Amino acid sequence: MINRAALILRYKEPAVHWINEVDPAPESTPLSLSEVNREQTVYLISDEDADTDKTLRQWVQDNFSALWESELEAWYTDESLWPTNRTMKKFDQWFDVECHTVVIDTLDAPLVDDDA
């Protein structure tokens, strides 16, 4: 078990609507909620930040902007397509936060950070 918690953002309908609405390829088939949520980024956060609902919520409030930008960039790198009014309230309308506090590394090999 590693000393991290796994945070996943599950998209809600307003986010899926945005993905389909701003798609620069108009011939694309619109994506469904289940398709968008099929494969998600996992954010590792400290155990302490995930210890209680209150500490998790505080961590999300402190980091929602970076999380949101990461998700937006995963869809469209052109920042002119991104929504400009990115508030915590709107974040909550777009995403459900899922957190898993038991993370087990099943490999006997060091973790490697590709960005390091």
PDB file of N, CA and C in Angstrom:
ATOM      1  N   MET A   1       0.850  -1.170   0.000  1.00  0.00           N
ATOM      2  CA  MET A   1       0.000   0.000   0.000  1.00  0.00           C
ATOM      3  C   MET A   1       0.899   1.237   0.000  1.00  0.00           C
ATOM      4  N   ILE A   2       0.539   2.230  -0.809  1.00  0.00           N
ATOM      5  CA  ILE A   2       1.347   3.443  -0.863  1.00  0.00           C
ATOM      6  C   ILE A   2       0.679   4.566  -0.066  1.00  0.00           C
ATOM      7  N   ASN A   3       1.468   5.542   0.292  1.00  0.00           N
ATOM      8  CA  ASN A   3       0.972   6.635   1.135  1.00  0.00           C
ATOM      9  C   ASN A   3       0.356   7.751   0.290  1.00  0.00           C
ATOM     10  N   ARG A   4      -0.591   7.384  -0.530  1.00  0.00           N
ATOM     11  CA  ARG A   4      -1.315   8.329  -1.367  1.00  0.00           C
ATOM     12  C   ARG A   4      -2.780   7.904  -1.419  1.00  0.00           C
ATOM     13  N   ALA A   5      -3.621   8.842  -1.777  1.00  0.00           N
ATOM     14  CA  ALA A   5      -5.013   8.547  -2.092  1.00  0.00           C
ATOM     15  C   ALA A   5      -5.197   8.850  -3.578  1.00  0.00           C
ATOM     16  N   ALA A   6      -6.164   8.204  -4.182  1.00  0.00           N
ATOM     17  CA  ALA A   6      -6.434   8.395  -5.608  1.00  0.00           C
ATOM     18  C   ALA A   6      -7.703   9.215  -5.778  1.00  0.00           C
ATOM     19  N   LEU A   7      -7.574  10.333  -6.471  1.00  0.00           N
ATOM     20  CA  LEU A   7      -8.710  11.207  -6.732  1.00  0.00           C
ATOM     21  C   LEU A   7      -9.049  11.124  -8.216  1.00  0.00           C
ATOM     22  N   ILE A   8     -10.325  10.939  -8.502  1.00  0.00           N
ATOM     23  CA  ILE A   8     -10.809  10.840  -9.876  1.00  0.00           C
ATOM     24  C   ILE A   8     -11.958  11.822 -10.036  1.00  0.00           C
ATOM     25  N   LEU A   9     -11.969  12.533 -11.147  1.00  0.00           N
ATOM     26  CA  LEU A   9     -13.085  13.424 -11.461  1.00  0.00           C
ATOM     27  C   LEU A   9     -14.016  12.704 -12.427  1.00  0.00           C
ATOM     28  N   ARG A  10     -15.272  12.581 -12.033  1.00  0.00           N
ATOM     29  CA  ARG A  10     -16.295  11.984 -12.896  1.00  0.00           C
ATOM     30  C   ARG A  10     -17.092  13.122 -13.527  1.00  0.00           C
ATOM     31  N   TYR A  11     -17.152  13.104 -14.830  1.00  0.00           N
ATOM     32  CA  TYR A  11     -17.836  14.167 -15.565  1.00  0.00           C
ATOM     33  C   TYR A  11     -19.343  14.077 -15.380  1.00  0.00           C
ATOM     34  N   LYS A  12     -19.975  15.248 -15.337  1.00  0.00           N
ATOM     35  CA  LYS A  12     -21.427  15.367 -15.323  1.00  0.00           C
ATOM     36  C   LYS A  12     -21.873  15.923 -16.677  1.00  0.00           C
ATOM     37  N   GLU A  13     -23.178  15.965 -16.891  1.00  0.00           N
ATOM     38  CA  GLU A  13     -23.730  16.390 -18.183  1.00  0.00           C
ATOM     39  C   GLU A  13     -23.234  17.755 -18.677  1.00  0.00           C
ATOM     40  N   PRO A  14     -23.128  18.798 -17.818  1.00  0.00           N
ATOM     41  CA  PRO A  14     -22.649  20.085 -18.349  1.00  0.00           C
ATOM     42  C   PRO A  14     -21.253  19.998 -18.973  1.00  0.00           C
ATOM     43  N   ALA A  15     -20.385  19.178 -18.413  1.00  0.00           N
ATOM     44  CA  ALA A  15     -19.042  19.015 -18.975  1.00  0.00           C
ATOM     45  C   ALA A  15     -19.108  18.296 -20.317  1.00  0.00           C
ATOM     46  N   VAL A  16     -19.930  17.273 -20.393  1.00  0.00           N
ATOM     47  CA  VAL A  16     -20.074  16.526 -21.648  1.00  0.00           C
ATOM     48  C   VAL A  16     -20.681  17.429 -22.724  1.00  0.00           C
ATOM     49  N   HIS A  17     -21.628  18.253 -22.336  1.00  0.00           N
ATOM     50  CA  HIS A  17     -22.223  19.211 -23.272  1.00  0.00           C
ATOM     51  C   HIS A  17     -21.136  20.134 -23.834  1.00  0.00           C
ATOM     52  N   TRP A  18     -20.256  20.633 -22.960  1.00  0.00           N
ATOM     53  CA  TRP A  18     -19.164  21.502 -23.412  1.00  0.00           C
ATOM     54  C   TRP A  18     -18.248  20.761 -24.384  1.00  0.00           C
ATOM     55  N   ILE A  19     -17.862  19.531 -24.046  1.00  0.00           N
ATOM     56  CA  ILE A  19     -16.974  18.737 -24.908  1.00  0.00           C
ATOM     57  C   ILE A  19     -17.557  18.632 -26.314  1.00  0.00           C
ATOM     58  N   ASN A  20     -18.844  18.324 -26.394  1.00  0.00           N
ATOM     59  CA  ASN A  20     -19.493  18.158 -27.692  1.00  0.00           C
ATOM     60  C   ASN A  20     -19.728  19.490 -28.403  1.00  0.00           C
ATOM     61  N   GLU A  21     -20.049  20.522 -27.639  1.00  0.00           N
ATOM     62  CA  GLU A  21     -20.375  21.825 -28.226  1.00  0.00           C
ATOM     63  C   GLU A  21     -19.169  22.505 -28.868  1.00  0.00           C
ATOM     64  N   VAL A  22     -18.012  22.422 -28.234  1.00  0.00           N
ATOM     65  CA  VAL A  22     -16.842  23.144 -28.750  1.00  0.00           C
ATOM     66  C   VAL A  22     -15.938  22.287 -29.637  1.00  0.00           C
ATOM     67  N   ASP A  23     -16.327  21.054 -29.874  1.00  0.00           N
ATOM     68  CA  ASP A  23     -15.515  20.168 -30.712  1.00  0.00           C
ATOM     69  C   ASP A  23     -15.228  20.844 -32.054  1.00  0.00           C
ATOM     70  N   PRO A  24     -13.940  21.077 -32.358  1.00  0.00           N
ATOM     71  CA  PRO A  24     -13.600  21.771 -33.604  1.00  0.00           C
ATOM     72  C   PRO A  24     -13.848  20.933 -34.861  1.00  0.00           C
ATOM     73  N   ALA A  25     -14.147  19.660 -34.699  1.00  0.00           N
ATOM     74  CA  ALA A  25     -14.452  18.796 -35.841  1.00  0.00           C
ATOM     75  C   ALA A  25     -15.967  18.565 -35.869  1.00  0.00           C
ATOM     76  N   PRO A  26     -16.713  19.386 -36.612  1.00  0.00           N
ATOM     77  CA  PRO A  26     -18.178  19.322 -36.561  1.00  0.00           C
ATOM     78  C   PRO A  26     -18.770  17.990 -37.018  1.00  0.00           C
ATOM     79  N   GLU A  27     -18.013  17.207 -37.762  1.00  0.00           N
ATOM     80  CA  GLU A  27     -18.528  15.914 -38.222  1.00  0.00           C
ATOM     81  C   GLU A  27     -18.400  14.816 -37.162  1.00  0.00           C
ATOM     82  N   SER A  28     -17.805  15.137 -36.027  1.00  0.00           N
ATOM     83  CA  SER A  28     -17.623  14.158 -34.953  1.00  0.00           C
ATOM     84  C   SER A  28     -18.966  13.725 -34.373  1.00  0.00           C
ATOM     85  N   THR A  29     -19.035  12.469 -33.995  1.00  0.00           N
ATOM     86  CA  THR A  29     -20.220  11.959 -33.315  1.00  0.00           C
ATOM     87  C   THR A  29     -20.185  12.423 -31.868  1.00  0.00           C
ATOM     88  N   PRO A  30     -21.274  13.002 -31.370  1.00  0.00           N
ATOM     89  CA  PRO A  30     -21.289  13.457 -29.973  1.00  0.00           C
ATOM     90  C   PRO A  30     -21.014  12.302 -29.009  1.00  0.00           C
ATOM     91  N   LEU A  31     -20.279  12.611 -27.961  1.00  0.00           N
ATOM     92  CA  LEU A  31     -19.949  11.619 -26.942  1.00  0.00           C
ATOM     93  C   LEU A  31     -21.026  11.593 -25.867  1.00  0.00           C
ATOM     94  N   SER A  32     -21.235  10.427 -25.283  1.00  0.00           N
ATOM     95  CA  SER A  32     -22.198  10.282 -24.188  1.00  0.00           C
ATOM     96  C   SER A  32     -21.473  10.424 -22.852  1.00  0.00           C
ATOM     97  N   LEU A  33     -22.241  10.575 -21.803  1.00  0.00           N
ATOM     98  CA  LEU A  33     -21.683  10.666 -20.455  1.00  0.00           C
ATOM     99  C   LEU A  33     -20.864   9.421 -20.123  1.00  0.00           C
ATOM    100  N   SER A  34     -21.381   8.253 -20.445  1.00  0.00           N
ATOM    101  CA  SER A  34     -20.646   7.019 -20.127  1.00  0.00           C
ATOM    102  C   SER A  34     -19.356   6.909 -20.939  1.00  0.00           C
ATOM    103  N   GLU A  35     -19.365   7.364 -22.183  1.00  0.00           N
ATOM    104  CA  GLU A  35     -18.140   7.333 -22.992  1.00  0.00           C
ATOM    105  C   GLU A  35     -17.076   8.264 -22.418  1.00  0.00           C
ATOM    106  N   VAL A  36     -17.483   9.447 -22.000  1.00  0.00           N
ATOM    107  CA  VAL A  36     -16.538  10.415 -21.444  1.00  0.00           C
ATOM    108  C   VAL A  36     -15.942   9.898 -20.141  1.00  0.00           C
ATOM    109  N   ASN A  37     -16.726   9.188 -19.355  1.00  0.00           N
ATOM    110  CA  ASN A  37     -16.260   8.698 -18.053  1.00  0.00           C
ATOM    111  C   ASN A  37     -15.609   7.321 -18.105  1.00  0.00           C
ATOM    112  N   ARG A  38     -15.452   6.769 -19.291  1.00  0.00           N
ATOM    113  CA  ARG A  38     -14.876   5.425 -19.414  1.00  0.00           C
ATOM    114  C   ARG A  38     -13.416   5.374 -18.968  1.00  0.00           C
ATOM    115  N   GLU A  39     -12.641   6.373 -19.302  1.00  0.00           N
ATOM    116  CA  GLU A  39     -11.207   6.404 -18.981  1.00  0.00           C
ATOM    117  C   GLU A  39     -10.888   7.747 -18.348  1.00  0.00           C
ATOM    118  N   GLN A  40     -10.452   7.743 -17.093  1.00  0.00           N
ATOM    119  CA  GLN A  40     -10.216   8.991 -16.367  1.00  0.00           C
ATOM    120  C   GLN A  40      -8.791   9.085 -15.850  1.00  0.00           C
ATOM    121  N   THR A  41      -8.328  10.319 -15.703  1.00  0.00           N
ATOM    122  CA  THR A  41      -7.041  10.586 -15.072  1.00  0.00           C
ATOM    123  C   THR A  41      -7.169  10.320 -13.578  1.00  0.00           C
ATOM    124  N   VAL A  42      -6.141   9.731 -13.002  1.00  0.00           N
ATOM    125  CA  VAL A  42      -6.095   9.503 -11.556  1.00  0.00           C
ATOM    126  C   VAL A  42      -5.062  10.461 -10.984  1.00  0.00           C
ATOM    127  N   TYR A  43      -5.501  11.263 -10.027  1.00  0.00           N
ATOM    128  CA  TYR A  43      -4.620  12.219  -9.357  1.00  0.00           C
ATOM    129  C   TYR A  43      -4.260  11.643  -7.992  1.00  0.00           C
ATOM    130  N   LEU A  44      -2.975  11.477  -7.734  1.00  0.00           N
ATOM    131  CA  LEU A  44      -2.541  10.999  -6.424  1.00  0.00           C
ATOM    132  C   LEU A  44      -2.359  12.194  -5.499  1.00  0.00           C
ATOM    133  N   ILE A  45      -3.008  12.119  -4.345  1.00  0.00           N
ATOM    134  CA  ILE A  45      -2.904  13.186  -3.351  1.00  0.00           C
ATOM    135  C   ILE A  45      -2.461  12.564  -2.035  1.00  0.00           C
ATOM    136  N   SER A  46      -2.098  13.393  -1.082  1.00  0.00           N
ATOM    137  CA  SER A  46      -1.610  12.857   0.192  1.00  0.00           C
ATOM    138  C   SER A  46      -2.741  12.192   0.976  1.00  0.00           C
ATOM    139  N   ASP A  47      -2.370  11.208   1.770  1.00  0.00           N
ATOM    140  CA  ASP A  47      -3.333  10.556   2.655  1.00  0.00           C
ATOM    141  C   ASP A  47      -4.022  11.564   3.559  1.00  0.00           C
ATOM    142  N   GLU A  48      -3.252  12.527   4.047  1.00  0.00           N
ATOM    143  CA  GLU A  48      -3.794  13.516   4.977  1.00  0.00           C
ATOM    144  C   GLU A  48      -4.883  14.356   4.319  1.00  0.00           C
ATOM    145  N   ASP A  49      -4.698  14.697   3.060  1.00  0.00           N
ATOM    146  CA  ASP A  49      -5.700  15.502   2.359  1.00  0.00           C
ATOM    147  C   ASP A  49      -6.986  14.724   2.097  1.00  0.00           C
ATOM    148  N   ALA A  50      -6.901  13.412   2.096  1.00  0.00           N
ATOM    149  CA  ALA A  50      -8.072  12.574   1.855  1.00  0.00           C
ATOM    150  C   ALA A  50      -8.624  11.962   3.133  1.00  0.00           C
ATOM    151  N   ASP A  51      -8.086  12.364   4.265  1.00  0.00           N
ATOM    152  CA  ASP A  51      -8.417  11.753   5.553  1.00  0.00           C
ATOM    153  C   ASP A  51      -9.890  11.883   5.923  1.00  0.00           C
ATOM    154  N   THR A  52     -10.478  13.038   5.676  1.00  0.00           N
ATOM    155  CA  THR A  52     -11.893  13.265   5.994  1.00  0.00           C
ATOM    156  C   THR A  52     -12.552  13.968   4.814  1.00  0.00           C
ATOM    157  N   ASP A  53     -13.871  13.979   4.810  1.00  0.00           N
ATOM    158  CA  ASP A  53     -14.581  14.708   3.761  1.00  0.00           C
ATOM    159  C   ASP A  53     -14.200  16.183   3.780  1.00  0.00           C
ATOM    160  N   LYS A  54     -13.999  16.723   4.977  1.00  0.00           N
ATOM    161  CA  LYS A  54     -13.663  18.143   5.117  1.00  0.00           C
ATOM    162  C   LYS A  54     -12.281  18.451   4.536  1.00  0.00           C
ATOM    163  N   THR A  55     -11.285  17.618   4.853  1.00  0.00           N
ATOM    164  CA  THR A  55      -9.941  17.880   4.330  1.00  0.00           C
ATOM    165  C   THR A  55      -9.882  17.643   2.821  1.00  0.00           C
ATOM    166  N   LEU A  56     -10.631  16.663   2.345  1.00  0.00           N
ATOM    167  CA  LEU A  56     -10.682  16.421   0.902  1.00  0.00           C
ATOM    168  C   LEU A  56     -11.320  17.612   0.191  1.00  0.00           C
ATOM    169  N   ARG A  57     -12.420  18.093   0.733  1.00  0.00           N
ATOM    170  CA  ARG A  57     -13.094  19.244   0.121  1.00  0.00           C
ATOM    171  C   ARG A  57     -12.168  20.465   0.101  1.00  0.00           C
ATOM    172  N   GLN A  58     -11.426  20.663   1.186  1.00  0.00           N
ATOM    173  CA  GLN A  58     -10.503  21.795   1.235  1.00  0.00           C
ATOM    174  C   GLN A  58      -9.418  21.646   0.173  1.00  0.00           C
ATOM    175  N   TRP A  59      -8.895  20.430   0.007  1.00  0.00           N
ATOM    176  CA  TRP A  59      -7.869  20.198  -1.010  1.00  0.00           C
ATOM    177  C   TRP A  59      -8.428  20.495  -2.405  1.00  0.00           C
ATOM    178  N   VAL A  60      -9.637  20.025  -2.666  1.00  0.00           N
ATOM    179  CA  VAL A  60     -10.257  20.270  -3.973  1.00  0.00           C
ATOM    180  C   VAL A  60     -10.467  21.768  -4.183  1.00  0.00           C
ATOM    181  N   GLN A  61     -10.941  22.469  -3.166  1.00  0.00           N
ATOM    182  CA  GLN A  61     -11.131  23.919  -3.285  1.00  0.00           C
ATOM    183  C   GLN A  61      -9.809  24.629  -3.569  1.00  0.00           C
ATOM    184  N   ASP A  62      -8.746  24.171  -2.943  1.00  0.00           N
ATOM    185  CA  ASP A  62      -7.427  24.785  -3.148  1.00  0.00           C
ATOM    186  C   ASP A  62      -6.832  24.461  -4.519  1.00  0.00           C
ATOM    187  N   ASN A  63      -7.268  23.360  -5.127  1.00  0.00           N
ATOM    188  CA  ASN A  63      -6.635  22.875  -6.356  1.00  0.00           C
ATOM    189  C   ASN A  63      -7.576  22.728  -7.546  1.00  0.00           C
ATOM    190  N   PHE A  64      -8.822  23.175  -7.409  1.00  0.00           N
ATOM    191  CA  PHE A  64      -9.790  22.934  -8.486  1.00  0.00           C
ATOM    192  C   PHE A  64      -9.366  23.562  -9.810  1.00  0.00           C
ATOM    193  N   SER A  65      -8.706  24.692  -9.755  1.00  0.00           N
ATOM    194  CA  SER A  65      -8.300  25.362 -10.994  1.00  0.00           C
ATOM    195  C   SER A  65      -7.296  24.509 -11.774  1.00  0.00           C
ATOM    196  N   ALA A  66      -6.295  23.978 -11.084  1.00  0.00           N
ATOM    197  CA  ALA A  66      -5.293  23.123 -11.741  1.00  0.00           C
ATOM    198  C   ALA A  66      -5.921  21.820 -12.237  1.00  0.00           C
ATOM    199  N   LEU A  67      -6.817  21.242 -11.442  1.00  0.00           N
ATOM    200  CA  LEU A  67      -7.507  20.022 -11.862  1.00  0.00           C
ATOM    201  C   LEU A  67      -8.317  20.282 -13.128  1.00  0.00           C
ATOM    202  N   TRP A  68      -9.065  21.371 -13.101  1.00  0.00           N
ATOM    203  CA  TRP A  68      -9.928  21.701 -14.231  1.00  0.00           C
ATOM    204  C   TRP A  68      -9.107  21.936 -15.495  1.00  0.00           C
ATOM    205  N   GLU A  69      -8.028  22.693 -15.370  1.00  0.00           N
ATOM    206  CA  GLU A  69      -7.176  22.949 -16.536  1.00  0.00           C
ATOM    207  C   GLU A  69      -6.585  21.657 -17.088  1.00  0.00           C
ATOM    208  N   SER A  70      -6.226  20.747 -16.213  1.00  0.00           N
ATOM    209  CA  SER A  70      -5.706  19.456 -16.654  1.00  0.00           C
ATOM    210  C   SER A  70      -6.761  18.693 -17.458  1.00  0.00           C
ATOM    211  N   GLU A  71      -7.990  18.710 -16.962  1.00  0.00           N
ATOM    212  CA  GLU A  71      -9.077  18.019 -17.664  1.00  0.00           C
ATOM    213  C   GLU A  71      -9.396  18.695 -18.995  1.00  0.00           C
ATOM    214  N   LEU A  72      -9.447  20.019 -19.008  1.00  0.00           N
ATOM    215  CA  LEU A  72      -9.727  20.745 -20.250  1.00  0.00           C
ATOM    216  C   LEU A  72      -8.655  20.465 -21.298  1.00  0.00           C
ATOM    217  N   GLU A  73      -7.401  20.498 -20.867  1.00  0.00           N
ATOM    218  CA  GLU A  73      -6.289  20.265 -21.789  1.00  0.00           C
ATOM    219  C   GLU A  73      -6.302  18.846 -22.346  1.00  0.00           C
ATOM    220  N   ALA A  74      -6.810  17.906 -21.575  1.00  0.00           N
ATOM    221  CA  ALA A  74      -6.904  16.529 -22.059  1.00  0.00           C
ATOM    222  C   ALA A  74      -7.877  16.430 -23.243  1.00  0.00           C
ATOM    223  N   TRP A  75      -8.844  17.337 -23.291  1.00  0.00           N
ATOM    224  CA  TRP A  75      -9.804  17.340 -24.393  1.00  0.00           C
ATOM    225  C   TRP A  75      -9.358  18.243 -25.533  1.00  0.00           C
ATOM    226  N   TYR A  76      -9.014  19.478 -25.206  1.00  0.00           N
ATOM    227  CA  TYR A  76      -8.657  20.449 -26.243  1.00  0.00           C
ATOM    228  C   TYR A  76      -7.499  21.299 -25.748  1.00  0.00           C
ATOM    229  N   THR A  77      -6.398  21.295 -26.481  1.00  0.00           N
ATOM    230  CA  THR A  77      -5.234  22.085 -26.070  1.00  0.00           C
ATOM    231  C   THR A  77      -5.388  23.562 -26.423  1.00  0.00           C
ATOM    232  N   ASP A  78      -6.314  23.887 -27.297  1.00  0.00           N
ATOM    233  CA  ASP A  78      -6.568  25.283 -27.664  1.00  0.00           C
ATOM    234  C   ASP A  78      -7.344  25.955 -26.530  1.00  0.00           C
ATOM    235  N   GLU A  79      -6.654  26.775 -25.754  1.00  0.00           N
ATOM    236  CA  GLU A  79      -7.263  27.398 -24.578  1.00  0.00           C
ATOM    237  C   GLU A  79      -8.395  28.353 -24.923  1.00  0.00           C
ATOM    238  N   SER A  80      -8.471  28.800 -26.164  1.00  0.00           N
ATOM    239  CA  SER A  80      -9.579  29.682 -26.546  1.00  0.00           C
ATOM    240  C   SER A  80     -10.917  28.940 -26.534  1.00  0.00           C
ATOM    241  N   LEU A  81     -10.879  27.617 -26.535  1.00  0.00           N
ATOM    242  CA  LEU A  81     -12.101  26.813 -26.467  1.00  0.00           C
ATOM    243  C   LEU A  81     -12.567  26.590 -25.028  1.00  0.00           C
ATOM    244  N   TRP A  82     -11.707  26.867 -24.079  1.00  0.00           N
ATOM    245  CA  TRP A  82     -12.020  26.597 -22.674  1.00  0.00           C
ATOM    246  C   TRP A  82     -13.023  27.604 -22.130  1.00  0.00           C
ATOM    247  N   PRO A  83     -13.890  27.169 -21.225  1.00  0.00           N
ATOM    248  CA  PRO A  83     -14.792  28.132 -20.579  1.00  0.00           C
ATOM    249  C   PRO A  83     -13.975  29.121 -19.744  1.00  0.00           C
ATOM    250  N   THR A  84     -14.401  30.369 -19.735  1.00  0.00           N
ATOM    251  CA  THR A  84     -13.633  31.397 -19.025  1.00  0.00           C
ATOM    252  C   THR A  84     -14.089  31.585 -17.584  1.00  0.00           C
ATOM    253  N   ASN A  85     -15.314  31.290 -17.286  1.00  0.00           N
ATOM    254  CA  ASN A  85     -15.854  31.496 -15.943  1.00  0.00           C
ATOM    255  C   ASN A  85     -15.731  30.201 -15.136  1.00  0.00           C
ATOM    256  N   ARG A  86     -14.510  29.871 -14.726  1.00  0.00           N
ATOM    257  CA  ARG A  86     -14.260  28.602 -14.035  1.00  0.00           C
ATOM    258  C   ARG A  86     -14.224  28.837 -12.523  1.00  0.00           C
ATOM    259  N   THR A  87     -15.381  28.758 -11.921  1.00  0.00           N
ATOM    260  CA  THR A  87     -15.519  28.952 -10.478  1.00  0.00           C
ATOM    261  C   THR A  87     -15.665  27.602  -9.791  1.00  0.00           C
ATOM    262  N   MET A  88     -15.543  27.603  -8.482  1.00  0.00           N
ATOM    263  CA  MET A  88     -15.744  26.373  -7.715  1.00  0.00           C
ATOM    264  C   MET A  88     -17.178  25.867  -7.895  1.00  0.00           C
ATOM    265  N   LYS A  89     -18.122  26.783  -7.924  1.00  0.00           N
ATOM    266  CA  LYS A  89     -19.527  26.394  -8.107  1.00  0.00           C
ATOM    267  C   LYS A  89     -19.715  25.676  -9.442  1.00  0.00           C
ATOM    268  N   LYS A  90     -19.108  26.221 -10.495  1.00  0.00           N
ATOM    269  CA  LYS A  90     -19.228  25.596 -11.813  1.00  0.00           C
ATOM    270  C   LYS A  90     -18.466  24.267 -11.861  1.00  0.00           C
ATOM    271  N   PHE A  91     -17.327  24.203 -11.187  1.00  0.00           N
ATOM    272  CA  PHE A  91     -16.574  22.949 -11.082  1.00  0.00           C
ATOM    273  C   PHE A  91     -17.479  21.853 -10.504  1.00  0.00           C
ATOM    274  N   ASP A  92     -18.200  22.188  -9.442  1.00  0.00           N
ATOM    275  CA  ASP A  92     -19.115  21.224  -8.815  1.00  0.00           C
ATOM    276  C   ASP A  92     -20.254  20.827  -9.750  1.00  0.00           C
ATOM    277  N   GLN A  93     -20.630  21.717 -10.651  1.00  0.00           N
ATOM    278  CA  GLN A  93     -21.674  21.397 -11.626  1.00  0.00           C
ATOM    279  C   GLN A  93     -21.148  20.479 -12.726  1.00  0.00           C
ATOM    280  N   TRP A  94     -19.857  20.551 -12.977  1.00  0.00           N
ATOM    281  CA  TRP A  94     -19.244  19.764 -14.053  1.00  0.00           C
ATOM    282  C   TRP A  94     -18.700  18.413 -13.600  1.00  0.00           C
ATOM    283  N   PHE A  95     -18.278  18.307 -12.331  1.00  0.00           N
ATOM    284  CA  PHE A  95     -17.570  17.102 -11.886  1.00  0.00           C
ATOM    285  C   PHE A  95     -18.075  16.586 -10.544  1.00  0.00           C
ATOM    286  N   ASP A  96     -18.075  15.270 -10.408  1.00  0.00           N
ATOM    287  CA  ASP A  96     -18.171  14.608  -9.109  1.00  0.00           C
ATOM    288  C   ASP A  96     -16.760  14.195  -8.739  1.00  0.00           C
ATOM    289  N   VAL A  97     -16.402  14.377  -7.483  1.00  0.00           N
ATOM    290  CA  VAL A  97     -15.076  13.997  -7.004  1.00  0.00           C
ATOM    291  C   VAL A  97     -15.187  12.630  -6.342  1.00  0.00           C
ATOM    292  N   GLU A  98     -14.388  11.709  -6.813  1.00  0.00           N
ATOM    293  CA  GLU A  98     -14.334  10.357  -6.255  1.00  0.00           C
ATOM    294  C   GLU A  98     -12.948  10.175  -5.649  1.00  0.00           C
ATOM    295  N   CYS A  99     -12.884   9.657  -4.438  1.00  0.00           N
ATOM    296  CA  CYS A  99     -11.590   9.493  -3.782  1.00  0.00           C
ATOM    297  C   CYS A  99     -11.470   8.089  -3.204  1.00  0.00           C
ATOM    298  N   HIS A 100     -10.317   7.481  -3.429  1.00  0.00           N
ATOM    299  CA  HIS A 100     -10.018   6.140  -2.912  1.00  0.00           C
ATOM    300  C   HIS A 100      -8.780   6.249  -2.032  1.00  0.00           C
ATOM    301  N   THR A 101      -8.916   5.840  -0.783  1.00  0.00           N
ATOM    302  CA  THR A 101      -7.822   6.030   0.173  1.00  0.00           C
ATOM    303  C   THR A 101      -6.920   4.811   0.325  1.00  0.00           C
ATOM    304  N   VAL A 102      -7.294   3.701  -0.262  1.00  0.00           N
ATOM    305  CA  VAL A 102      -6.426   2.525  -0.231  1.00  0.00           C
ATOM    306  C   VAL A 102      -5.880   2.320  -1.644  1.00  0.00           C
ATOM    307  N   VAL A 103      -4.588   2.577  -1.802  1.00  0.00           N
ATOM    308  CA  VAL A 103      -3.925   2.432  -3.097  1.00  0.00           C
ATOM    309  C   VAL A 103      -2.795   1.432  -2.906  1.00  0.00           C
ATOM    310  N   ILE A 104      -2.858   0.335  -3.628  1.00  0.00           N
ATOM    311  CA  ILE A 104      -1.875  -0.736  -3.482  1.00  0.00           C
ATOM    312  C   ILE A 104      -1.046  -0.842  -4.755  1.00  0.00           C
ATOM    313  N   ASP A 105       0.243  -0.758  -4.603  1.00  0.00           N
ATOM    314  CA  ASP A 105       1.179  -0.931  -5.710  1.00  0.00           C
ATOM    315  C   ASP A 105       1.508  -2.418  -5.781  1.00  0.00           C
ATOM    316  N   THR A 106       1.082  -3.093  -6.839  1.00  0.00           N
ATOM    317  CA  THR A 106       1.273  -4.538  -6.958  1.00  0.00           C
ATOM    318  C   THR A 106       2.569  -4.926  -7.668  1.00  0.00           C
ATOM    319  N   LEU A 107       3.354  -3.935  -8.064  1.00  0.00           N
ATOM    320  CA  LEU A 107       4.610  -4.225  -8.752  1.00  0.00           C
ATOM    321  C   LEU A 107       5.791  -4.092  -7.807  1.00  0.00           C
ATOM    322  N   ASP A 108       6.781  -4.927  -8.026  1.00  0.00           N
ATOM    323  CA  ASP A 108       8.020  -4.840  -7.257  1.00  0.00           C
ATOM    324  C   ASP A 108       9.042  -4.075  -8.092  1.00  0.00           C
ATOM    325  N   ALA A 109       8.693  -2.824  -8.370  1.00  0.00           N
ATOM    326  CA  ALA A 109       9.559  -1.963  -9.185  1.00  0.00           C
ATOM    327  C   ALA A 109       9.326  -0.527  -8.743  1.00  0.00           C
ATOM    328  N   PRO A 110      10.328   0.319  -8.911  1.00  0.00           N
ATOM    329  CA  PRO A 110      10.146   1.712  -8.493  1.00  0.00           C
ATOM    330  C   PRO A 110       9.121   2.435  -9.364  1.00  0.00           C
ATOM    331  N   LEU A 111       8.434   3.387  -8.758  1.00  0.00           N
ATOM    332  CA  LEU A 111       7.549   4.266  -9.516  1.00  0.00           C
ATOM    333  C   LEU A 111       8.415   5.223 -10.326  1.00  0.00           C
ATOM    334  N   VAL A 112       8.020   5.501 -11.551  1.00  0.00           N
ATOM    335  CA  VAL A 112       8.774   6.398 -12.411  1.00  0.00           C
ATOM    336  C   VAL A 112       7.853   7.535 -12.836  1.00  0.00           C
ATOM    337  N   ASP A 113       8.320   8.755 -12.649  1.00  0.00           N
ATOM    338  CA  ASP A 113       7.581   9.943 -13.067  1.00  0.00           C
ATOM    339  C   ASP A 113       8.070  10.331 -14.458  1.00  0.00           C
ATOM    340  N   ASP A 114       7.227  10.151 -15.472  1.00  0.00           N
ATOM    341  CA  ASP A 114       7.613  10.462 -16.854  1.00  0.00           C
ATOM    342  C   ASP A 114       7.910  11.936 -17.066  1.00  0.00           C
ATOM    343  N   ASP A 115       7.385  12.797 -16.205  1.00  0.00           N
ATOM    344  CA  ASP A 115       7.600  14.239 -16.343  1.00  0.00           C
ATOM    345  C   ASP A 115       8.845  14.725 -15.614  1.00  0.00           C
ATOM    346  N   ALA A 116       9.488  13.857 -14.856  1.00  0.00           N
ATOM    347  CA  ALA A 116      10.664  14.274 -14.073  1.00  0.00           C
ATOM    348  C   ALA A 116      11.898  14.390 -14.940  1.00  0.00           C
TER     349      ALA A 116
END
